Full PDB file with SEQRES, HELIX, SHEET, SSBOND, CRYST1, ORIGX, SCALE, CONECT and MASTER records, all heavy atoms in Angstrom:
SEQRES   1 A   43  GLY ASP SER ASP GLN LEU LEU ASP LEU PHE MET PRO SER          
SEQRES   2 A   43  TYR GLU VAL VAL ASP CYS HIS LYS VAL ARG VAL ASN ALA          
SEQRES   3 A   43  PRO ALA GLU VAL ALA LEU SER ALA ALA ALA GLY MET ASP          
SEQRES   4 A   43  LEU GLN SER CYS                                              
HELIX    1 AA1 GLN A    5  ASP A    8  1                                   4    
HELIX    2 AA2 ALA A   28  GLY A   37  1                                  10    
HELIX    3 AA3 LEU A   40  SER A   42  5                                   3    
CRYST1    1.000    1.000    1.000  90.00  90.00  90.00 P 1           1          
ORIGX1      1.000000  0.000000  0.000000        0.00000                         
ORIGX2      0.000000  1.000000  0.000000        0.00000                         
ORIGX3      0.000000  0.000000  1.000000        0.00000                         
SCALE1      1.000000  0.000000  0.000000        0.00000                         
SCALE2      0.000000  1.000000  0.000000        0.00000                         
SCALE3      0.000000  0.000000  1.000000        0.00000                         
ATOM      1  N   GLY A   1     -29.726 -33.364   4.478  1.00  0.00           N  
ATOM      2  CA  GLY A   1     -28.568 -33.153   3.614  1.00  0.00           C  
ATOM      3  C   GLY A   1     -27.683 -34.365   3.439  1.00  0.00           C  
ATOM      4  O   GLY A   1     -28.145 -35.477   3.224  1.00  0.00           O  
ATOM      5  N   ASP A   2     -26.394 -34.120   3.543  1.00  0.00           N  
ATOM      6  CA  ASP A   2     -25.395 -35.140   3.255  1.00  0.00           C  
ATOM      7  C   ASP A   2     -25.394 -36.250   4.295  1.00  0.00           C  
ATOM      8  O   ASP A   2     -25.551 -36.013   5.469  1.00  0.00           O  
ATOM      9  CB  ASP A   2     -23.992 -34.508   3.229  1.00  0.00           C  
ATOM     10  CG  ASP A   2     -23.936 -33.302   2.306  1.00  0.00           C  
ATOM     11  OD1 ASP A   2     -24.609 -33.343   1.273  1.00  0.00           O  
ATOM     12  OD2 ASP A   2     -23.228 -32.334   2.635  1.00  0.00           O  
ATOM     13  N   SER A   3     -25.185 -37.475   3.809  1.00  0.00           N  
ATOM     14  CA  SER A   3     -24.993 -38.574   4.751  1.00  0.00           C  
ATOM     15  C   SER A   3     -23.503 -38.656   5.073  1.00  0.00           C  
ATOM     16  O   SER A   3     -22.665 -38.139   4.348  1.00  0.00           O  
ATOM     17  CB  SER A   3     -25.489 -39.893   4.151  1.00  0.00           C  
ATOM     18  OG  SER A   3     -24.668 -40.261   3.063  1.00  0.00           O  
ATOM     19  N   ASP A   4     -23.188 -39.278   6.166  1.00  0.00           N  
ATOM     20  CA  ASP A   4     -21.799 -39.445   6.574  1.00  0.00           C  
ATOM     21  C   ASP A   4     -21.412 -40.895   6.340  1.00  0.00           C  
ATOM     22  O   ASP A   4     -21.767 -41.768   7.126  1.00  0.00           O  
ATOM     23  CB  ASP A   4     -21.643 -39.063   8.044  1.00  0.00           C  
ATOM     24  CG  ASP A   4     -20.204 -39.042   8.488  1.00  0.00           C  
ATOM     25  OD1 ASP A   4     -19.377 -39.766   7.892  1.00  0.00           O  
ATOM     26  OD2 ASP A   4     -19.899 -38.302   9.429  1.00  0.00           O  
ATOM     27  N   GLN A   5     -20.727 -41.167   5.246  1.00  0.00           N  
ATOM     28  CA  GLN A   5     -20.435 -42.543   4.850  1.00  0.00           C  
ATOM     29  C   GLN A   5     -19.587 -43.267   5.886  1.00  0.00           C  
ATOM     30  O   GLN A   5     -19.779 -44.455   6.121  1.00  0.00           O  
ATOM     31  CB  GLN A   5     -19.752 -42.559   3.494  1.00  0.00           C  
ATOM     32  CG  GLN A   5     -20.664 -42.078   2.393  1.00  0.00           C  
ATOM     33  CD  GLN A   5     -19.973 -42.028   1.048  1.00  0.00           C  
ATOM     34  OE1 GLN A   5     -18.772 -42.233   0.949  1.00  0.00           O  
ATOM     35  NE2 GLN A   5     -20.738 -41.746   0.004  1.00  0.00           N  
ATOM     36  N   LEU A   6     -18.667 -42.585   6.524  1.00  0.00           N  
ATOM     37  CA  LEU A   6     -17.808 -43.224   7.513  1.00  0.00           C  
ATOM     38  C   LEU A   6     -18.611 -43.636   8.746  1.00  0.00           C  
ATOM     39  O   LEU A   6     -18.487 -44.751   9.239  1.00  0.00           O  
ATOM     40  CB  LEU A   6     -16.662 -42.287   7.893  1.00  0.00           C  
ATOM     41  CG  LEU A   6     -15.458 -42.893   8.597  1.00  0.00           C  
ATOM     42  CD1 LEU A   6     -14.858 -44.022   7.773  1.00  0.00           C  
ATOM     43  CD2 LEU A   6     -14.405 -41.827   8.831  1.00  0.00           C  
ATOM     44  N   LEU A   7     -19.468 -42.758   9.228  1.00  0.00           N  
ATOM     45  CA  LEU A   7     -20.317 -43.077  10.373  1.00  0.00           C  
ATOM     46  C   LEU A   7     -21.335 -44.150  10.012  1.00  0.00           C  
ATOM     47  O   LEU A   7     -21.646 -45.020  10.822  1.00  0.00           O  
ATOM     48  CB  LEU A   7     -21.026 -41.821  10.880  1.00  0.00           C  
ATOM     49  CG  LEU A   7     -21.951 -41.995  12.085  1.00  0.00           C  
ATOM     50  CD1 LEU A   7     -21.173 -42.540  13.278  1.00  0.00           C  
ATOM     51  CD2 LEU A   7     -22.620 -40.690  12.422  1.00  0.00           C  
ATOM     52  N   ASP A   8     -21.850 -44.111   8.793  1.00  0.00           N  
ATOM     53  CA  ASP A   8     -22.842 -45.092   8.359  1.00  0.00           C  
ATOM     54  C   ASP A   8     -22.299 -46.520   8.348  1.00  0.00           C  
ATOM     55  O   ASP A   8     -23.067 -47.478   8.393  1.00  0.00           O  
ATOM     56  CB  ASP A   8     -23.396 -44.737   6.984  1.00  0.00           C  
ATOM     57  CG  ASP A   8     -24.322 -43.532   7.020  1.00  0.00           C  
ATOM     58  OD1 ASP A   8     -24.739 -43.153   8.134  1.00  0.00           O  
ATOM     59  OD2 ASP A   8     -24.617 -42.969   5.951  1.00  0.00           O  
ATOM     60  N   LEU A   9     -20.982 -46.702   8.322  1.00  0.00           N  
ATOM     61  CA  LEU A   9     -20.412 -48.043   8.431  1.00  0.00           C  
ATOM     62  C   LEU A   9     -20.724 -48.657   9.792  1.00  0.00           C  
ATOM     63  O   LEU A   9     -20.871 -49.868   9.923  1.00  0.00           O  
ATOM     64  CB  LEU A   9     -18.892 -48.004   8.249  1.00  0.00           C  
ATOM     65  CG  LEU A   9     -18.376 -47.697   6.857  1.00  0.00           C  
ATOM     66  CD1 LEU A   9     -16.864 -47.497   6.897  1.00  0.00           C  
ATOM     67  CD2 LEU A   9     -18.752 -48.808   5.893  1.00  0.00           C  
ATOM     68  N   PHE A  10     -20.817 -47.828  10.812  1.00  0.00           N  
ATOM     69  CA  PHE A  10     -21.034 -48.303  12.179  1.00  0.00           C  
ATOM     70  C   PHE A  10     -22.481 -48.193  12.607  1.00  0.00           C  
ATOM     71  O   PHE A  10     -22.928 -48.935  13.474  1.00  0.00           O  
ATOM     72  CB  PHE A  10     -20.139 -47.534  13.150  1.00  0.00           C  
ATOM     73  CG  PHE A  10     -18.689 -47.705  12.836  1.00  0.00           C  
ATOM     74  CD1 PHE A  10     -18.027 -46.809  12.017  1.00  0.00           C  
ATOM     75  CD2 PHE A  10     -17.993 -48.804  13.308  1.00  0.00           C  
ATOM     76  CE1 PHE A  10     -16.697 -46.978  11.697  1.00  0.00           C  
ATOM     77  CE2 PHE A  10     -16.666 -48.994  12.987  1.00  0.00           C  
ATOM     78  CZ  PHE A  10     -16.016 -48.083  12.184  1.00  0.00           C  
ATOM     79  N   MET A  11     -23.201 -47.243  12.039  1.00  0.00           N  
ATOM     80  CA  MET A  11     -24.617 -47.045  12.354  1.00  0.00           C  
ATOM     81  C   MET A  11     -25.388 -46.865  11.062  1.00  0.00           C  
ATOM     82  O   MET A  11     -25.746 -45.747  10.690  1.00  0.00           O  
ATOM     83  CB  MET A  11     -24.794 -45.809  13.237  1.00  0.00           C  
ATOM     84  CG  MET A  11     -24.227 -45.951  14.618  1.00  0.00           C  
ATOM     85  SD  MET A  11     -24.481 -44.466  15.608  1.00  0.00           S  
ATOM     86  CE  MET A  11     -26.246 -44.370  15.683  1.00  0.00           C  
ATOM     87  N   PRO A  12     -25.670 -47.966  10.340  1.00  0.00           N  
ATOM     88  CA  PRO A  12     -26.353 -47.830   9.063  1.00  0.00           C  
ATOM     89  C   PRO A  12     -27.810 -47.387   9.200  1.00  0.00           C  
ATOM     90  O   PRO A  12     -28.370 -46.810   8.286  1.00  0.00           O  
ATOM     91  CB  PRO A  12     -26.258 -49.223   8.443  1.00  0.00           C  
ATOM     92  CG  PRO A  12     -25.989 -50.144   9.573  1.00  0.00           C  
ATOM     93  CD  PRO A  12     -25.286 -49.345  10.634  1.00  0.00           C  
ATOM     94  N   SER A  13     -28.428 -47.657  10.344  1.00  0.00           N  
ATOM     95  CA  SER A  13     -29.792 -47.184  10.562  1.00  0.00           C  
ATOM     96  C   SER A  13     -29.860 -46.546  11.948  1.00  0.00           C  
ATOM     97  O   SER A  13     -29.144 -46.940  12.864  1.00  0.00           O  
ATOM     98  CB  SER A  13     -30.794 -48.335  10.450  1.00  0.00           C  
ATOM     99  OG  SER A  13     -30.540 -49.307  11.438  1.00  0.00           O  
ATOM    100  N   TYR A  14     -30.732 -45.581  12.085  1.00  0.00           N  
ATOM    101  CA  TYR A  14     -30.829 -44.789  13.311  1.00  0.00           C  
ATOM    102  C   TYR A  14     -32.225 -44.923  13.894  1.00  0.00           C  
ATOM    103  O   TYR A  14     -33.192 -45.063  13.169  1.00  0.00           O  
ATOM    104  CB  TYR A  14     -30.576 -43.308  13.030  1.00  0.00           C  
ATOM    105  CG  TYR A  14     -29.322 -43.013  12.267  1.00  0.00           C  
ATOM    106  CD1 TYR A  14     -29.345 -42.822  10.893  1.00  0.00           C  
ATOM    107  CD2 TYR A  14     -28.112 -42.929  12.913  1.00  0.00           C  
ATOM    108  CE1 TYR A  14     -28.185 -42.541  10.198  1.00  0.00           C  
ATOM    109  CE2 TYR A  14     -26.950 -42.647  12.227  1.00  0.00           C  
ATOM    110  CZ  TYR A  14     -26.996 -42.446  10.859  1.00  0.00           C  
ATOM    111  OH  TYR A  14     -25.846 -42.169  10.180  1.00  0.00           O  
ATOM    112  N   GLU A  15     -32.326 -44.858  15.213  1.00  0.00           N  
ATOM    113  CA  GLU A  15     -33.636 -44.789  15.851  1.00  0.00           C  
ATOM    114  C   GLU A  15     -34.120 -43.344  15.880  1.00  0.00           C  
ATOM    115  O   GLU A  15     -35.304 -43.076  15.807  1.00  0.00           O  
ATOM    116  CB  GLU A  15     -33.569 -45.335  17.273  1.00  0.00           C  
ATOM    117  CG  GLU A  15     -33.388 -46.830  17.325  1.00  0.00           C  
ATOM    118  CD  GLU A  15     -33.422 -47.359  18.738  1.00  0.00           C  
ATOM    119  OE1 GLU A  15     -33.602 -46.569  19.684  1.00  0.00           O  
ATOM    120  OE2 GLU A  15     -33.269 -48.571  18.883  1.00  0.00           O  
ATOM    121  N   VAL A  16     -33.185 -42.426  16.030  1.00  0.00           N  
ATOM    122  CA  VAL A  16     -33.508 -41.010  16.099  1.00  0.00           C  
ATOM    123  C   VAL A  16     -32.478 -40.261  15.264  1.00  0.00           C  
ATOM    124  O   VAL A  16     -31.298 -40.584  15.299  1.00  0.00           O  
ATOM    125  CB  VAL A  16     -33.455 -40.495  17.563  1.00  0.00           C  
ATOM    126  CG1 VAL A  16     -33.720 -39.016  17.622  1.00  0.00           C  
ATOM    127  CG2 VAL A  16     -34.440 -41.252  18.429  1.00  0.00           C  
ATOM    128  N   VAL A  17     -32.924 -39.277  14.500  1.00  0.00           N  
ATOM    129  CA  VAL A  17     -32.008 -38.478  13.690  1.00  0.00           C  
ATOM    130  C   VAL A  17     -32.165 -37.017  14.072  1.00  0.00           C  
ATOM    131  O   VAL A  17     -33.270 -36.497  14.139  1.00  0.00           O  
ATOM    132  CB  VAL A  17     -32.305 -38.646  12.179  1.00  0.00           C  
ATOM    133  CG1 VAL A  17     -31.472 -37.693  11.357  1.00  0.00           C  
ATOM    134  CG2 VAL A  17     -32.046 -40.068  11.741  1.00  0.00           C  
ATOM    135  N   ASP A  18     -31.055 -36.378  14.352  1.00  0.00           N  
ATOM    136  CA  ASP A  18     -31.030 -34.947  14.622  1.00  0.00           C  
ATOM    137  C   ASP A  18     -29.736 -34.434  14.035  1.00  0.00           C  
ATOM    138  O   ASP A  18     -28.657 -34.791  14.512  1.00  0.00           O  
ATOM    139  CB  ASP A  18     -31.103 -34.689  16.123  1.00  0.00           C  
ATOM    140  CG  ASP A  18     -31.370 -33.241  16.455  1.00  0.00           C  
ATOM    141  OD1 ASP A  18     -31.740 -32.477  15.532  1.00  0.00           O  
ATOM    142  OD2 ASP A  18     -31.215 -32.863  17.618  1.00  0.00           O  
ATOM    143  N   CYS A  19     -29.812 -33.663  13.002  1.00  0.00           N  
ATOM    144  CA  CYS A  19     -28.620 -33.245  12.265  1.00  0.00           C  
ATOM    145  C   CYS A  19     -28.439 -31.722  12.362  1.00  0.00           C  
ATOM    146  O   CYS A  19     -29.377 -30.975  12.109  1.00  0.00           O  
ATOM    147  CB  CYS A  19     -28.761 -33.663  10.802  1.00  0.00           C  
ATOM    148  SG  CYS A  19     -27.317 -33.288   9.810  1.00  0.00           S  
ATOM    149  N   HIS A  20     -27.247 -31.311  12.746  1.00  0.00           N  
ATOM    150  CA  HIS A  20     -26.910 -29.889  12.813  1.00  0.00           C  
ATOM    151  C   HIS A  20     -25.629 -29.671  12.032  1.00  0.00           C  
ATOM    152  O   HIS A  20     -24.729 -30.510  12.056  1.00  0.00           O  
ATOM    153  CB  HIS A  20     -26.687 -29.445  14.267  1.00  0.00           C  
ATOM    154  CG  HIS A  20     -27.872 -29.670  15.133  1.00  0.00           C  
ATOM    155  ND1 HIS A  20     -28.872 -28.752  15.255  1.00  0.00           N  
ATOM    156  CD2 HIS A  20     -28.229 -30.726  15.898  1.00  0.00           C  
ATOM    157  CE1 HIS A  20     -29.797 -29.224  16.076  1.00  0.00           C  
ATOM    158  NE2 HIS A  20     -29.421 -30.424  16.477  1.00  0.00           N  
ATOM    159  N   LYS A  21     -25.540 -28.556  11.357  1.00  0.00           N  
ATOM    160  CA  LYS A  21     -24.335 -28.239  10.601  1.00  0.00           C  
ATOM    161  C   LYS A  21     -23.900 -26.817  10.903  1.00  0.00           C  
ATOM    162  O   LYS A  21     -24.726 -25.925  11.070  1.00  0.00           O  
ATOM    163  CB  LYS A  21     -24.589 -28.352   9.098  1.00  0.00           C  
ATOM    164  CG  LYS A  21     -24.855 -29.750   8.629  1.00  0.00           C  
ATOM    165  CD  LYS A  21     -25.036 -29.776   7.134  1.00  0.00           C  
ATOM    166  CE  LYS A  21     -25.304 -31.194   6.691  1.00  0.00           C  
ATOM    167  NZ  LYS A  21     -25.416 -31.295   5.259  1.00  0.00           N  
ATOM    168  N   VAL A  22     -22.603 -26.661  10.962  1.00  0.00           N  
ATOM    169  CA  VAL A  22     -22.015 -25.336  11.113  1.00  0.00           C  
ATOM    170  C   VAL A  22     -20.885 -25.242  10.108  1.00  0.00           C  
ATOM    171  O   VAL A  22     -20.000 -26.100  10.075  1.00  0.00           O  
ATOM    172  CB  VAL A  22     -21.457 -25.124  12.546  1.00  0.00           C  
ATOM    173  CG1 VAL A  22     -20.749 -23.789  12.645  1.00  0.00           C  
ATOM    174  CG2 VAL A  22     -22.562 -25.227  13.569  1.00  0.00           C  
ATOM    175  N   ARG A  23     -20.917 -24.260   9.275  1.00  0.00           N  
ATOM    176  CA  ARG A  23     -19.844 -24.066   8.298  1.00  0.00           C  
ATOM    177  C   ARG A  23     -18.708 -23.312   8.973  1.00  0.00           C  
ATOM    178  O   ARG A  23     -18.918 -22.298   9.637  1.00  0.00           O  
ATOM    179  CB  ARG A  23     -20.342 -23.265   7.106  1.00  0.00           C  
ATOM    180  CG  ARG A  23     -21.420 -23.993   6.348  1.00  0.00           C  
ATOM    181  CD  ARG A  23     -21.052 -24.052   4.886  1.00  0.00           C  
ATOM    182  NE  ARG A  23     -22.096 -24.726   4.162  1.00  0.00           N  
ATOM    183  CZ  ARG A  23     -21.956 -25.929   3.628  1.00  0.00           C  
ATOM    184  NH1 ARG A  23     -20.821 -26.570   3.753  1.00  0.00           N  
ATOM    185  NH2 ARG A  23     -22.933 -26.478   2.971  1.00  0.00           N  
ATOM    186  N   VAL A  24     -17.511 -23.842   8.823  1.00  0.00           N  
ATOM    187  CA  VAL A  24     -16.322 -23.240   9.404  1.00  0.00           C  
ATOM    188  C   VAL A  24     -15.427 -22.800   8.257  1.00  0.00           C  
ATOM    189  O   VAL A  24     -15.128 -23.597   7.371  1.00  0.00           O  
ATOM    190  CB  VAL A  24     -15.581 -24.252  10.316  1.00  0.00           C  
ATOM    191  CG1 VAL A  24     -14.309 -23.652  10.857  1.00  0.00           C  
ATOM    192  CG2 VAL A  24     -16.493 -24.711  11.436  1.00  0.00           C  
ATOM    193  N   ASN A  25     -15.029 -21.562   8.279  1.00  0.00           N  
ATOM    194  CA  ASN A  25     -14.189 -21.027   7.213  1.00  0.00           C  
ATOM    195  C   ASN A  25     -12.721 -21.327   7.518  1.00  0.00           C  
ATOM    196  O   ASN A  25     -11.940 -20.442   7.842  1.00  0.00           O  
ATOM    197  CB  ASN A  25     -14.422 -19.524   7.053  1.00  0.00           C  
ATOM    198  CG  ASN A  25     -13.779 -18.983   5.796  1.00  0.00           C  
ATOM    199  OD1 ASN A  25     -13.397 -19.751   4.911  1.00  0.00           O  
ATOM    200  ND2 ASN A  25     -13.659 -17.681   5.710  1.00  0.00           N  
ATOM    201  N   ALA A  26     -12.381 -22.628   7.451  1.00  0.00           N  
ATOM    202  CA  ALA A  26     -11.011 -23.079   7.723  1.00  0.00           C  
ATOM    203  C   ALA A  26     -10.826 -24.431   7.043  1.00  0.00           C  
ATOM    204  O   ALA A  26     -11.794 -25.154   6.835  1.00  0.00           O  
ATOM    205  CB  ALA A  26     -10.769 -23.211   9.223  1.00  0.00           C  
ATOM    206  N   PRO A  27      -9.600 -24.779   6.716  1.00  0.00           N  
ATOM    207  CA  PRO A  27      -9.359 -26.106   6.161  1.00  0.00           C  
ATOM    208  C   PRO A  27      -9.750 -27.193   7.168  1.00  0.00           C  
ATOM    209  O   PRO A  27      -9.695 -26.988   8.388  1.00  0.00           O  
ATOM    210  CB  PRO A  27      -7.847 -26.132   5.908  1.00  0.00           C  
ATOM    211  CG  PRO A  27      -7.428 -24.708   5.891  1.00  0.00           C  
ATOM    212  CD  PRO A  27      -8.394 -23.965   6.772  1.00  0.00           C  
ATOM    213  N   ALA A  28     -10.154 -28.357   6.653  1.00  0.00           N  
ATOM    214  CA  ALA A  28     -10.603 -29.459   7.511  1.00  0.00           C  
ATOM    215  C   ALA A  28      -9.548 -29.842   8.539  1.00  0.00           C  
ATOM    216  O   ALA A  28      -9.871 -30.119   9.698  1.00  0.00           O  
ATOM    217  CB  ALA A  28     -10.977 -30.665   6.651  1.00  0.00           C  
ATOM    218  N   GLU A  29      -8.273 -29.846   8.149  1.00  0.00           N  
ATOM    219  CA  GLU A  29      -7.203 -30.240   9.078  1.00  0.00           C  
ATOM    220  C   GLU A  29      -7.139 -29.298  10.274  1.00  0.00           C  
ATOM    221  O   GLU A  29      -6.961 -29.728  11.411  1.00  0.00           O  
ATOM    222  CB  GLU A  29      -5.839 -30.262   8.368  1.00  0.00           C  
ATOM    223  CG  GLU A  29      -5.732 -31.252   7.224  1.00  0.00           C  
ATOM    224  CD  GLU A  29      -6.292 -30.712   5.905  1.00  0.00           C  
ATOM    225  OE1 GLU A  29      -6.496 -29.477   5.775  1.00  0.00           O  
ATOM    226  OE2 GLU A  29      -6.552 -31.526   5.010  1.00  0.00           O  
ATOM    227  N   VAL A  30      -7.292 -28.010  10.021  1.00  0.00           N  
ATOM    228  CA  VAL A  30      -7.226 -27.010  11.086  1.00  0.00           C  
ATOM    229  C   VAL A  30      -8.442 -27.148  12.006  1.00  0.00           C  
ATOM    230  O   VAL A  30      -8.312 -27.126  13.237  1.00  0.00           O  
ATOM    231  CB  VAL A  30      -7.144 -25.585  10.492  1.00  0.00           C  
ATOM    232  CG1 VAL A  30      -7.264 -24.532  11.579  1.00  0.00           C  
ATOM    233  CG2 VAL A  30      -5.859 -25.412   9.704  1.00  0.00           C  
ATOM    234  N   ALA A  31      -9.630 -27.321  11.422  1.00  0.00           N  
ATOM    235  CA  ALA A  31     -10.852 -27.446  12.226  1.00  0.00           C  
ATOM    236  C   ALA A  31     -10.808 -28.703  13.094  1.00  0.00           C  
ATOM    237  O   ALA A  31     -11.142 -28.653  14.279  1.00  0.00           O  
ATOM    238  CB  ALA A  31     -12.070 -27.472  11.317  1.00  0.00           C  
ATOM    239  N   LEU A  32     -10.379 -29.832  12.524  1.00  0.00           N  
ATOM    240  CA  LEU A  32     -10.302 -31.068  13.296  1.00  0.00           C  
ATOM    241  C   LEU A  32      -9.262 -30.964  14.408  1.00  0.00           C  
ATOM    242  O   LEU A  32      -9.489 -31.390  15.527  1.00  0.00           O  
ATOM    243  CB  LEU A  32      -9.989 -32.262  12.391  1.00  0.00           C  
ATOM    244  CG  LEU A  32      -9.940 -33.617  13.093  1.00  0.00           C  
ATOM    245  CD1 LEU A  32     -11.291 -33.959  13.711  1.00  0.00           C  
ATOM    246  CD2 LEU A  32      -9.509 -34.698  12.128  1.00  0.00           C  
ATOM    247  N   SER A  33      -8.141 -30.359  14.098  1.00  0.00           N  
ATOM    248  CA  SER A  33      -7.093 -30.184  15.110  1.00  0.00           C  
ATOM    249  C   SER A  33      -7.583 -29.298  16.257  1.00  0.00           C  
ATOM    250  O   SER A  33      -7.333 -29.590  17.430  1.00  0.00           O  
ATOM    251  CB  SER A  33      -5.851 -29.574  14.464  1.00  0.00           C  
ATOM    252  OG  SER A  33      -4.876 -29.311  15.422  1.00  0.00           O  
ATOM    253  N   ALA A  34      -8.294 -28.234  15.934  1.00  0.00           N  
ATOM    254  CA  ALA A  34      -8.830 -27.345  16.972  1.00  0.00           C  
ATOM    255  C   ALA A  34      -9.872 -28.067  17.823  1.00  0.00           C  
ATOM    256  O   ALA A  34      -9.887 -27.935  19.052  1.00  0.00           O  
ATOM    257  CB  ALA A  34      -9.443 -26.102  16.331  1.00  0.00           C  
ATOM    258  N   ALA A  35     -10.743 -28.866  17.186  1.00  0.00           N  
ATOM    259  CA  ALA A  35     -11.763 -29.603  17.931  1.00  0.00           C  
ATOM    260  C   ALA A  35     -11.125 -30.662  18.824  1.00  0.00           C  
ATOM    261  O   ALA A  35     -11.527 -30.838  19.976  1.00  0.00           O  
ATOM    262  CB  ALA A  35     -12.746 -30.257  16.965  1.00  0.00           C  
ATOM    263  N   ALA A  36     -10.120 -31.354  18.318  1.00  0.00           N  
ATOM    264  CA  ALA A  36      -9.463 -32.408  19.095  1.00  0.00           C  
ATOM    265  C   ALA A  36      -8.709 -31.833  20.288  1.00  0.00           C  
ATOM    266  O   ALA A  36      -8.590 -32.486  21.317  1.00  0.00           O  
ATOM    267  CB  ALA A  36      -8.507 -33.193  18.202  1.00  0.00           C  
ATOM    268  N   GLY A  37      -8.226 -30.612  20.172  1.00  0.00           N  
ATOM    269  CA  GLY A  37      -7.432 -30.012  21.236  1.00  0.00           C  
ATOM    270  C   GLY A  37      -8.197 -29.130  22.199  1.00  0.00           C  
ATOM    271  O   GLY A  37      -7.624 -28.618  23.153  1.00  0.00           O  
ATOM    272  N   MET A  38      -9.516 -28.955  21.994  1.00  0.00           N  
ATOM    273  CA  MET A  38     -10.253 -28.053  22.879  1.00  0.00           C  
ATOM    274  C   MET A  38     -10.391 -28.647  24.280  1.00  0.00           C  
ATOM    275  O   MET A  38     -10.413 -29.858  24.467  1.00  0.00           O  
ATOM    276  CB  MET A  38     -11.610 -27.712  22.287  1.00  0.00           C  
ATOM    277  CG  MET A  38     -12.595 -28.818  22.232  1.00  0.00           C  
ATOM    278  SD  MET A  38     -14.089 -28.225  21.429  1.00  0.00           S  
ATOM    279  CE  MET A  38     -14.952 -29.750  21.281  1.00  0.00           C  
ATOM    280  N   ASP A  39     -10.484 -27.762  25.256  1.00  0.00           N  
ATOM    281  CA  ASP A  39     -10.576 -28.155  26.664  1.00  0.00           C  
ATOM    282  C   ASP A  39     -12.001 -27.899  27.145  1.00  0.00           C  
ATOM    283  O   ASP A  39     -12.359 -26.777  27.490  1.00  0.00           O  
ATOM    284  CB  ASP A  39      -9.566 -27.340  27.483  1.00  0.00           C  
ATOM    285  CG  ASP A  39      -9.618 -27.656  28.967  1.00  0.00           C  
ATOM    286  OD1 ASP A  39     -10.312 -28.617  29.354  1.00  0.00           O  
ATOM    287  OD2 ASP A  39      -8.950 -26.942  29.729  1.00  0.00           O  
ATOM    288  N   LEU A  40     -12.830 -28.951  27.162  1.00  0.00           N  
ATOM    289  CA  LEU A  40     -14.220 -28.790  27.578  1.00  0.00           C  
ATOM    290  C   LEU A  40     -14.349 -28.448  29.056  1.00  0.00           C  
ATOM    291  O   LEU A  40     -15.285 -27.772  29.461  1.00  0.00           O  
ATOM    292  CB  LEU A  40     -15.015 -30.068  27.283  1.00  0.00           C  
ATOM    293  CG  LEU A  40     -15.246 -30.400  25.820  1.00  0.00           C  
ATOM    294  CD1 LEU A  40     -16.046 -31.686  25.687  1.00  0.00           C  
ATOM    295  CD2 LEU A  40     -15.967 -29.277  25.108  1.00  0.00           C  
ATOM    296  N   GLN A  41     -13.397 -28.913  29.858  1.00  0.00           N  
ATOM    297  CA  GLN A  41     -13.477 -28.683  31.298  1.00  0.00           C  
ATOM    298  C   GLN A  41     -13.238 -27.210  31.671  1.00  0.00           C  
ATOM    299  O   GLN A  41     -13.482 -26.813  32.803  1.00  0.00           O  
ATOM    300  CB  GLN A  41     -12.499 -29.584  32.049  1.00  0.00           C  
ATOM    301  CG  GLN A  41     -12.816 -31.063  31.908  1.00  0.00           C  
ATOM    302  CD  GLN A  41     -14.202 -31.432  32.420  1.00  0.00           C  
ATOM    303  OE1 GLN A  41     -14.668 -30.909  33.419  1.00  0.00           O  
ATOM    304  NE2 GLN A  41     -14.863 -32.338  31.715  1.00  0.00           N  
ATOM    305  N   SER A  42     -12.788 -26.415  30.718  1.00  0.00           N  
ATOM    306  CA  SER A  42     -12.605 -24.991  30.999  1.00  0.00           C  
ATOM    307  C   SER A  42     -13.930 -24.224  30.932  1.00  0.00           C  
ATOM    308  O   SER A  42     -13.994 -23.073  31.331  1.00  0.00           O  
ATOM    309  CB  SER A  42     -11.600 -24.380  30.012  1.00  0.00           C  
ATOM    310  OG  SER A  42     -12.142 -24.381  28.705  1.00  0.00           O  
ATOM    311  N   CYS A  43     -14.980 -24.874  30.460  1.00  0.00           N  
ATOM    312  CA  CYS A  43     -16.300 -24.243  30.330  1.00  0.00           C  
ATOM    313  C   CYS A  43     -17.138 -24.547  31.575  1.00  0.00           C  
ATOM    314  O   CYS A  43     -17.352 -25.715  31.928  1.00  0.00           O  
ATOM    315  CB  CYS A  43     -16.992 -24.768  29.074  1.00  0.00           C  
ATOM    316  SG  CYS A  43     -18.670 -24.142  28.866  1.00  0.00           S  
TER     317      CYS A  43                                                      
MASTER        0    0    0    3    0    0    0    6  316    1    0    4          
END                                                                             
């Protein structure tokens, strides 16, 4: 599917590609804020 233009600036070519997508029914700002604030150590 879609390429990530921002990431491609730093990694224009890959040795291995594995792409996963999950659609989130929320605005991008809310999803990014939730991801940035999650506590992985609670798992």
